[in-house]
Amino acid sequence: MVILSGTPHPDFGSASLVAGVDEAGRGPLAGPVVAAAVVLCEPCPQGIGDSKKLSAKARARLDPVVRERCAWGVGIVSPEEIDRINIFAATMLAMTLATSRLAEALGRDPGEVLIDGNKTPAGRQAEWRWPARAIVGGDGLEPAIGAASIVAKEWRDRLMLDAARKYPHYGWERNKGYGTKDHIAALREYGPCPLHRRSFAPVAQMMLI
């Protein structure tokens, strides 16, 4: 299952637009991978940076500011799809979906897409059609990527908090699906649930017990 979300945005004028793209959730044992694509507004919201280095309070403050004032799109790829195509391909797909939704919100394609990391979906996803540049550590270097990292992480965290209410054994309200000690202990006791990634070794091993 894949999901697209975004928001229409007023005209940005005729200038070429630069989008930032980042993902959240490549490493967890459970839950989806989420990517966000953002074209920043002017002036840029104060305090934008790498979501991993921001406090939870700062991310919670900045996320709605970005989504209210800037153009954005979100792509979500489910655990089932991750297991089917692998996490790398799922991440490239989520980025493609997010950028597609951003283009829909803008009413036109961005002129360039800056992607956090060392690889882009270009040549890896048939639907990818935008000029792209990978930037290692880009979430701390390019404000548009930093904004995308905040949106992606906050979106995924909300999904995992909702999932924690349905599957309370695993402590997702604390670990967001990552393989923490308490999450692994719960896997041993209760086994995997439908949101676990069965292609990930710790989950696969529990299924053999």
Protein backbone atom coordinates (compact mmCIF):
# COMPACT_ATOMS: atom_id res chain seq x y z
CA MET A 1 0.00 0.00 0.00
CA VAL A 2 1.23 3.50 -0.83
CA ILE A 3 -0.28 6.79 0.26
CA LEU A 4 0.08 10.30 -1.10
CA SER A 5 -0.64 13.38 0.95
CA GLY A 6 0.00 17.05 0.39
CA THR A 7 -1.53 20.48 0.23
CA PRO A 8 -2.36 22.90 -2.59
CA HIS A 9 -0.27 26.04 -2.43
CA PRO A 10 -0.54 29.58 -3.82
CA ASP A 11 1.48 30.45 -6.90
CA PHE A 12 5.24 30.61 -6.26
CA GLY A 13 5.74 32.76 -9.35
CA SER A 14 7.64 31.76 -12.47
CA ALA A 15 11.05 31.18 -10.90
CA SER A 16 12.51 27.67 -10.98
CA LEU A 17 11.73 25.92 -7.71
CA VAL A 18 14.11 23.81 -5.64
CA ALA A 19 12.60 21.01 -3.57
CA GLY A 20 14.16 19.17 -0.66
CA VAL A 21 13.41 15.49 -0.02
CA ASP A 22 14.15 13.29 2.98
CA GLU A 23 12.79 10.11 4.54
CA ALA A 24 12.06 8.71 7.96
CA GLY A 25 11.85 5.08 8.97
CA ARG A 26 14.41 3.11 6.99
CA GLY A 27 15.78 1.30 10.03
CA PRO A 28 12.80 0.33 12.25
CA LEU A 29 11.50 -3.22 12.55
CA ALA A 30 7.90 -2.08 12.19
CA GLY A 31 5.80 0.54 10.48
CA PRO A 32 6.01 2.31 7.13
CA VAL A 33 8.78 4.32 5.53
CA VAL A 34 7.74 7.94 5.01
CA ALA A 35 9.25 10.54 2.69
CA ALA A 36 8.49 14.24 2.43
CA ALA A 37 9.22 16.76 -0.31
CA VAL A 38 9.17 20.49 0.47
CA VAL A 39 9.55 23.75 -1.42
CA LEU A 40 10.25 26.41 1.17
CA CYS A 41 8.32 29.62 1.48
CA GLU A 42 9.86 33.07 1.88
CA PRO A 43 11.00 33.90 4.44
CA CYS A 44 12.19 30.46 5.50
CA PRO A 45 10.79 29.37 8.88
CA GLN A 46 13.33 30.02 11.62
CA GLY A 47 15.05 27.02 13.19
CA ILE A 48 14.89 24.60 10.24
CA GLY A 49 17.53 21.87 10.46
CA ASP A 50 18.19 18.15 10.58
CA SER A 51 15.19 16.62 12.39
CA LYS A 52 17.46 14.12 14.18
CA LYS A 53 19.34 16.98 15.84
CA LEU A 54 16.27 18.99 16.83
CA SER A 55 14.43 18.46 20.08
CA ALA A 56 10.98 16.87 19.93
CA LYS A 57 9.55 20.21 21.05
CA ALA A 58 11.28 22.07 18.19
CA ARG A 59 10.11 19.53 15.61
CA ALA A 60 6.55 19.72 16.90
CA ARG A 61 6.66 23.51 16.59
CA LEU A 62 8.20 23.61 13.13
CA ASP A 63 6.19 20.84 11.44
CA PRO A 64 2.85 22.70 11.28
CA VAL A 65 4.63 25.94 10.31
CA VAL A 66 6.22 24.25 7.30
CA ARG A 67 2.98 22.54 6.31
CA GLU A 68 0.92 25.73 6.66
CA ARG A 69 3.30 28.11 4.89
CA CYS A 70 5.25 25.99 2.38
CA ALA A 71 4.41 23.56 -0.42
CA TRP A 72 4.84 19.91 0.48
CA GLY A 73 4.00 16.32 -0.35
CA VAL A 74 4.28 13.08 1.61
CA GLY A 75 4.68 9.52 0.32
CA ILE A 76 4.13 6.47 2.54
CA VAL A 77 5.09 2.88 1.76
CA SER A 78 3.65 0.14 3.98
CA PRO A 79 5.48 -2.71 5.72
CA GLU A 80 3.94 -5.18 3.26
CA GLU A 81 5.39 -3.28 0.32
CA ILE A 82 8.74 -2.93 2.08
CA ASP A 83 8.86 -6.72 2.46
CA ARG A 84 7.91 -7.19 -1.19
CA ILE A 85 10.42 -4.84 -2.82
CA ASN A 86 13.05 -4.29 -0.02
CA ILE A 87 13.65 -1.22 2.11
CA PHE A 88 15.95 0.59 -0.32
CA ALA A 89 13.46 0.32 -3.20
CA ALA A 90 10.65 1.29 -0.82
CA THR A 91 12.56 4.41 0.22
CA MET A 92 13.11 5.40 -3.41
CA LEU A 93 9.41 4.81 -4.06
CA ALA A 94 8.36 6.93 -1.06
CA MET A 95 10.57 9.78 -2.29
CA THR A 96 9.06 9.51 -5.76
CA LEU A 97 5.52 9.56 -4.37
CA ALA A 98 6.29 12.55 -2.14
CA THR A 99 7.79 14.54 -5.01
CA SER A 100 4.88 13.66 -7.29
CA ARG A 101 2.42 14.91 -4.68
CA LEU A 102 4.45 18.09 -4.22
CA ALA A 103 4.33 18.71 -7.97
CA GLU A 104 0.56 18.27 -7.86
CA ALA A 105 0.32 20.76 -4.98
CA LEU A 106 2.47 23.27 -6.86
CA GLY A 107 0.71 22.76 -10.18
CA ARG A 108 4.13 22.31 -11.83
CA ASP A 109 7.36 20.39 -11.47
CA PRO A 110 10.22 21.64 -9.33
CA GLY A 111 13.28 22.61 -11.33
CA GLU A 112 15.62 20.60 -9.11
CA VAL A 113 15.20 18.11 -6.27
CA LEU A 114 17.83 17.92 -3.53
CA ILE A 115 17.85 14.58 -1.73
CA ASP A 116 19.48 13.71 1.56
CA GLY A 117 21.98 10.87 1.18
CA ASN A 118 24.19 9.53 -1.59
CA LYS A 119 21.58 8.13 -4.00
CA THR A 120 18.50 9.43 -5.77
CA PRO A 121 15.51 7.64 -7.32
CA ALA A 122 16.71 8.68 -10.79
CA GLY A 123 17.20 5.50 -12.79
CA ARG A 124 15.79 3.44 -9.92
CA GLN A 125 12.12 4.44 -10.11
CA ALA A 126 10.45 4.55 -13.50
CA GLU A 127 8.11 7.35 -12.38
CA TRP A 128 10.95 9.68 -11.30
CA ARG A 129 11.13 12.56 -13.82
CA TRP A 130 12.88 15.45 -12.06
CA PRO A 131 16.53 16.62 -12.09
CA ALA A 132 17.94 15.34 -8.82
CA ARG A 133 21.07 15.79 -6.74
CA ALA A 134 22.04 13.72 -3.71
CA ILE A 135 23.72 15.54 -0.80
CA VAL A 136 25.29 13.57 2.03
CA GLY A 137 24.24 15.23 5.26
CA GLY A 138 21.89 17.42 3.26
CA ASP A 139 19.33 17.65 6.04
CA GLY A 140 21.82 19.78 7.95
CA LEU A 141 23.11 21.71 4.92
CA GLU A 142 20.06 22.56 2.82
CA PRO A 143 17.06 24.14 4.57
CA ALA A 144 14.57 22.56 2.14
CA ILE A 145 15.91 19.10 2.95
CA GLY A 146 15.87 19.95 6.66
CA ALA A 147 12.22 20.97 6.37
CA ALA A 148 11.44 17.71 4.57
CA SER A 149 13.19 15.74 7.31
CA ILE A 150 11.00 17.41 9.94
CA VAL A 151 7.76 16.75 8.05
CA ALA A 152 8.68 13.13 7.32
CA LYS A 153 9.72 12.34 10.89
CA GLU A 154 6.73 14.01 12.52
CA TRP A 155 4.33 12.34 10.07
CA ARG A 156 5.81 8.91 10.74
CA ASP A 157 5.88 9.47 14.50
CA ARG A 158 2.16 10.25 14.44
CA LEU A 159 1.48 7.05 12.50
CA MET A 160 3.45 5.02 15.04
CA LEU A 161 1.66 6.64 17.98
CA ASP A 162 -1.65 5.64 16.39
CA ALA A 163 -0.32 2.12 15.79
CA ALA A 164 0.83 1.89 19.42
CA ARG A 165 -2.77 2.21 20.56
CA LYS A 166 -3.77 -0.73 18.38
CA TYR A 167 -0.71 -2.84 19.23
CA PRO A 168 0.23 -1.76 22.78
CA HIS A 169 2.72 -4.55 23.56
CA TYR A 170 5.67 -3.19 21.62
CA GLY A 171 6.21 0.25 23.16
CA TRP A 172 5.99 2.10 19.85
CA GLU A 173 4.98 5.28 21.64
CA ARG A 174 8.57 5.25 22.92
CA ASN A 175 10.64 3.47 20.26
CA LYS A 176 8.63 4.29 17.09
CA GLY A 177 9.24 0.76 15.82
CA TYR A 178 13.03 0.71 16.19
CA GLY A 179 14.67 -2.43 17.53
CA THR A 180 15.14 -1.31 21.11
CA LYS A 181 15.61 -3.74 23.97
CA ASP A 182 11.97 -3.51 25.05
CA HIS A 183 10.73 -3.93 21.49
CA ILE A 184 12.84 -7.07 20.97
CA ALA A 185 11.64 -8.45 24.32
CA ALA A 186 8.02 -7.88 23.27
CA LEU A 187 8.68 -9.60 19.95
CA ARG A 188 9.98 -12.63 21.80
CA GLU A 189 6.93 -12.73 24.05
CA TYR A 190 4.13 -11.84 21.63
CA GLY A 191 5.59 -12.47 18.18
CA PRO A 192 5.25 -10.05 15.25
CA CYS A 193 2.06 -8.16 14.39
CA PRO A 194 0.85 -7.16 10.90
CA LEU A 195 2.92 -3.95 11.00
CA HIS A 196 6.24 -5.72 11.51
CA ARG A 197 8.65 -5.97 8.59
CA ARG A 198 9.06 -9.69 8.12
CA SER A 199 12.03 -9.26 5.78
CA PHE A 200 14.07 -7.69 8.59
CA ALA A 201 16.31 -10.22 10.32
CA PRO A 202 15.20 -9.72 13.97
CA VAL A 203 11.55 -10.18 12.96
CA ALA A 204 12.30 -13.09 10.64
CA GLN A 205 14.23 -14.83 13.40
CA MET A 206 11.32 -14.51 15.82
CA MET A 207 9.03 -16.14 13.27
CA LEU A 208 11.27 -19.23 13.30
CA ILE A 209 11.09 -19.71 17.05
